[in-house]
């Protein structure tokens, strides 16, 4: 799913999660993201649970998505889901 309208919500969710993904989205016009991933990522309850569960030692570890973001030659906002990092299939 191409996201344009919900991009500010995703950026705000990233800031609330303190995952720094929002820094990569500043200036982006649209991104690809699975609908289920977007819903889970922006869900206030999910954000609170993730923040509560994270500890200082966990925050130092890179998630698979963050690793893909850091390795820009693998991750492409036009083809990969921002949340899970998998390729977004577009219906024909």
Foldseek 3Di string as FASTA:
>chain_A
DKDQPCLVLLLVLCVLLVLCLNVVCVPPRIFDADPVLVCLSNDPVNSVVNVVPDDPVNSVDDDPLNVCVVVVVRADRHFAHSRNGHGDDDDD
